[in-house]
Amino acid sequence: METIDIFKGSPDARDIAAGTVVFTQGDEADVMYAVVEGELGIEVNGKPVGTVGPGQVVGEMALIDRHGKPRTATVSATVDSRIVAVDEDEFLRLVHRVPFFALQLLRIVSERLRRTNELL
């Protein structure tokens, strides 16, 4: 899967301990998260469906299909991790400044959709 390295060294990064819930399925969605270090686990309806590590993002649907729609998964840190929250304003700045960022994000979404389709 593509990696997104533009968040390395971000002053907005925050450390979270293993077991910390980043967001819960059904929550209102308004930001995505980039993983700088560590690993986040993804669960849908209480079942593990994958993990994301450094250079990957989670919760991107919040910014692609507009915020306010409920989260489709629960995400938590499987190990001590460092993450960056990206809101809509920052997302739009990134797409404008680094057009390849949008392509990377589309590839991530496409890959996740393909993996989901294989499970069905």
C-alpha atoms as a PDB file:
ATOM      1  CA  MET A   1       0.000   0.000   0.000  1.00  0.00           C
ATOM      2  CA  GLU A   2       1.165   3.542  -0.684  1.00  0.00           C
ATOM      3  CA  THR A   3       2.853   5.474   2.095  1.00  0.00           C
ATOM      4  CA  ILE A   4       2.369   9.131   2.876  1.00  0.00           C
ATOM      5  CA  ASP A   5       5.542  10.556   4.368  1.00  0.00           C
ATOM      6  CA  ILE A   6       4.642  14.263   4.469  1.00  0.00           C
ATOM      7  CA  PHE A   7       3.593  13.987   8.116  1.00  0.00           C
ATOM      8  CA  LYS A   8       7.044  12.967   9.398  1.00  0.00           C
ATOM      9  CA  GLY A   9       8.296  15.668  11.712  1.00  0.00           C
ATOM     10  CA  SER A  10       4.885  17.335  11.962  1.00  0.00           C
ATOM     11  CA  PRO A  11       4.642  19.652  14.982  1.00  0.00           C
ATOM     12  CA  ASP A  12       1.011  18.547  15.307  1.00  0.00           C
ATOM     13  CA  ALA A  13       1.910  14.893  15.974  1.00  0.00           C
ATOM     14  CA  ARG A  14       0.784  13.465  19.288  1.00  0.00           C
ATOM     15  CA  ASP A  15       1.755  10.332  21.144  1.00  0.00           C
ATOM     16  CA  ILE A  16      -0.894   7.805  22.153  1.00  0.00           C
ATOM     17  CA  ALA A  17      -0.483   4.723  24.310  1.00  0.00           C
ATOM     18  CA  ALA A  18      -1.258   1.188  23.204  1.00  0.00           C
ATOM     19  CA  GLY A  19      -4.964   0.526  23.682  1.00  0.00           C
ATOM     20  CA  THR A  20      -6.017   4.145  23.163  1.00  0.00           C
ATOM     21  CA  VAL A  21      -9.166   4.417  21.053  1.00  0.00           C
ATOM     22  CA  VAL A  22      -8.665   6.994  18.305  1.00  0.00           C
ATOM     23  CA  PHE A  23     -12.302   6.911  17.201  1.00  0.00           C
ATOM     24  CA  THR A  24     -15.311   4.631  17.521  1.00  0.00           C
ATOM     25  CA  GLN A  25     -17.639   3.248  14.873  1.00  0.00           C
ATOM     26  CA  GLY A  26     -20.697   5.489  14.707  1.00  0.00           C
ATOM     27  CA  ASP A  27     -18.881   8.630  15.908  1.00  0.00           C
ATOM     28  CA  GLU A  28     -19.287  11.772  13.844  1.00  0.00           C
ATOM     29  CA  ALA A  29     -16.323  12.043  11.492  1.00  0.00           C
ATOM     30  CA  ASP A  30     -14.457  15.286  10.856  1.00  0.00           C
ATOM     31  CA  VAL A  31     -10.744  14.383  10.661  1.00  0.00           C
ATOM     32  CA  MET A  32      -8.460  11.672   9.336  1.00  0.00           C
ATOM     33  CA  TYR A  33      -5.311  10.461  11.036  1.00  0.00           C
ATOM     34  CA  ALA A  34      -1.842   9.830   9.650  1.00  0.00           C
ATOM     35  CA  VAL A  35       0.367   7.315  11.435  1.00  0.00           C
ATOM     36  CA  VAL A  36       3.891   8.597  11.980  1.00  0.00           C
ATOM     37  CA  GLU A  37       5.047   5.771  14.256  1.00  0.00           C
ATOM     38  CA  GLY A  38       3.424   2.645  15.633  1.00  0.00           C
ATOM     39  CA  GLU A  39       0.336   0.796  14.479  1.00  0.00           C
ATOM     40  CA  LEU A  40      -3.419   1.286  14.618  1.00  0.00           C
ATOM     41  CA  GLY A  41      -5.907  -1.576  14.491  1.00  0.00           C
ATOM     42  CA  ILE A  42      -9.192  -1.291  12.618  1.00  0.00           C
ATOM     43  CA  GLU A  43     -12.374  -3.074  13.717  1.00  0.00           C
ATOM     44  CA  VAL A  44     -15.798  -3.156  12.074  1.00  0.00           C
ATOM     45  CA  ASN A  45     -18.685  -4.409  14.176  1.00  0.00           C
ATOM     46  CA  GLY A  46     -16.167  -5.607  16.755  1.00  0.00           C
ATOM     47  CA  LYS A  47     -14.195  -7.715  14.259  1.00  0.00           C
ATOM     48  CA  PRO A  48     -10.585  -6.913  13.324  1.00  0.00           C
ATOM     49  CA  VAL A  49     -10.289  -6.049   9.630  1.00  0.00           C
ATOM     50  CA  GLY A  50      -6.782  -4.639   9.355  1.00  0.00           C
ATOM     51  CA  THR A  51      -4.015  -2.432  10.619  1.00  0.00           C
ATOM     52  CA  VAL A  52      -2.249   0.708   9.438  1.00  0.00           C
ATOM     53  CA  GLY A  53       1.333   1.668  10.179  1.00  0.00           C
ATOM     54  CA  PRO A  54       3.801   4.480   9.552  1.00  0.00           C
ATOM     55  CA  GLY A  55       3.077   6.414   6.379  1.00  0.00           C
ATOM     56  CA  GLN A  56      -0.526   5.262   6.221  1.00  0.00           C
ATOM     57  CA  VAL A  57      -3.793   6.999   7.053  1.00  0.00           C
ATOM     58  CA  VAL A  58      -7.098   6.026   8.581  1.00  0.00           C
ATOM     59  CA  GLY A  59     -10.437   7.814   8.726  1.00  0.00           C
ATOM     60  CA  GLU A  60      -9.914   9.411   5.331  1.00  0.00           C
ATOM     61  CA  MET A  61     -13.580   8.938   4.416  1.00  0.00           C
ATOM     62  CA  ALA A  62     -14.337  11.773   6.845  1.00  0.00           C
ATOM     63  CA  LEU A  63     -12.685  14.188   4.429  1.00  0.00           C
ATOM     64  CA  ILE A  64     -13.577  12.545   1.147  1.00  0.00           C
ATOM     65  CA  ASP A  65     -17.338  12.247   1.597  1.00  0.00           C
ATOM     66  CA  ARG A  66     -17.565  15.284   3.904  1.00  0.00           C
ATOM     67  CA  HIS A  67     -17.649  15.268   7.654  1.00  0.00           C
ATOM     68  CA  GLY A  68     -20.736  14.664   9.682  1.00  0.00           C
ATOM     69  CA  LYS A  69     -21.276  11.128   8.457  1.00  0.00           C
ATOM     70  CA  PRO A  70     -20.698   8.398  11.034  1.00  0.00           C
ATOM     71  CA  ARG A  71     -17.425   6.502  11.286  1.00  0.00           C
ATOM     72  CA  THR A  72     -17.603   3.056   9.713  1.00  0.00           C
ATOM     73  CA  ALA A  73     -14.975   1.495  11.989  1.00  0.00           C
ATOM     74  CA  THR A  74     -13.345   1.675  15.393  1.00  0.00           C
ATOM     75  CA  VAL A  75      -9.631   2.444  15.402  1.00  0.00           C
ATOM     76  CA  SER A  76      -7.245   2.029  18.320  1.00  0.00           C
ATOM     77  CA  ALA A  77      -3.511   1.903  18.899  1.00  0.00           C
ATOM     78  CA  THR A  78      -2.175  -1.665  18.985  1.00  0.00           C
ATOM     79  CA  VAL A  79       1.198  -0.356  20.250  1.00  0.00           C
ATOM     80  CA  ASP A  80       2.422   3.014  21.503  1.00  0.00           C
ATOM     81  CA  SER A  81       2.013   5.255  18.474  1.00  0.00           C
ATOM     82  CA  ARG A  82       2.445   8.772  17.126  1.00  0.00           C
ATOM     83  CA  ILE A  83      -0.365  10.187  14.977  1.00  0.00           C
ATOM     84  CA  VAL A  84      -1.338  13.428  13.270  1.00  0.00           C
ATOM     85  CA  ALA A  85      -4.959  14.571  13.009  1.00  0.00           C
ATOM     86  CA  VAL A  86      -5.778  16.195   9.661  1.00  0.00           C
ATOM     87  CA  ASP A  87      -8.904  18.341   9.443  1.00  0.00           C
ATOM     88  CA  GLU A  88     -10.605  19.533   6.262  1.00  0.00           C
ATOM     89  CA  ASP A  89      -8.688  22.821   6.047  1.00  0.00           C
ATOM     90  CA  GLU A  90      -5.317  21.074   6.323  1.00  0.00           C
ATOM     91  CA  PHE A  91      -6.461  18.371   3.907  1.00  0.00           C
ATOM     92  CA  LEU A  92      -7.340  20.997   1.277  1.00  0.00           C
ATOM     93  CA  ARG A  93      -4.004  22.788   1.814  1.00  0.00           C
ATOM     94  CA  LEU A  94      -2.156  19.498   1.326  1.00  0.00           C
ATOM     95  CA  VAL A  95      -4.045  18.648  -1.846  1.00  0.00           C
ATOM     96  CA  HIS A  96      -3.241  22.110  -3.196  1.00  0.00           C
ATOM     97  CA  ARG A  97       0.448  22.121  -2.158  1.00  0.00           C
ATOM     98  CA  VAL A  98       1.205  18.457  -2.847  1.00  0.00           C
ATOM     99  CA  PRO A  99      -1.094  17.161  -5.610  1.00  0.00           C
ATOM    100  CA  PHE A 100       0.500  13.691  -5.385  1.00  0.00           C
ATOM    101  CA  PHE A 101      -0.965  13.465  -1.865  1.00  0.00           C
ATOM    102  CA  ALA A 102      -4.477  13.221  -3.359  1.00  0.00           C
ATOM    103  CA  LEU A 103      -3.371  10.444  -5.712  1.00  0.00           C
ATOM    104  CA  GLN A 104      -1.799   8.528  -2.832  1.00  0.00           C
ATOM    105  CA  LEU A 105      -5.008   8.849  -0.841  1.00  0.00           C
ATOM    106  CA  LEU A 106      -7.094   7.621  -3.775  1.00  0.00           C
ATOM    107  CA  ARG A 107      -4.803   4.602  -4.113  1.00  0.00           C
ATOM    108  CA  ILE A 108      -5.249   3.799  -0.430  1.00  0.00           C
ATOM    109  CA  VAL A 109      -9.034   3.982  -0.705  1.00  0.00           C
ATOM    110  CA  SER A 110      -8.985   1.871  -3.867  1.00  0.00           C
ATOM    111  CA  GLU A 111      -6.790  -0.795  -2.261  1.00  0.00           C
ATOM    112  CA  ARG A 112      -9.053  -0.986   0.805  1.00  0.00           C
ATOM    113  CA  LEU A 113     -12.117  -1.330  -1.415  1.00  0.00           C
ATOM    114  CA  ARG A 114     -10.466  -4.150  -3.375  1.00  0.00           C
ATOM    115  CA  ARG A 115      -9.568  -5.994  -0.164  1.00  0.00           C
ATOM    116  CA  THR A 116     -13.105  -5.602   1.124  1.00  0.00           C
ATOM    117  CA  ASN A 117     -14.541  -6.911  -2.137  1.00  0.00           C
ATOM    118  CA  GLU A 118     -12.309  -9.989  -1.879  1.00  0.00           C
ATOM    119  CA  LEU A 119     -13.813 -10.739   1.526  1.00  0.00           C
ATOM    120  CA  LEU A 120     -17.379 -10.640   0.200  1.00  0.00           C
END
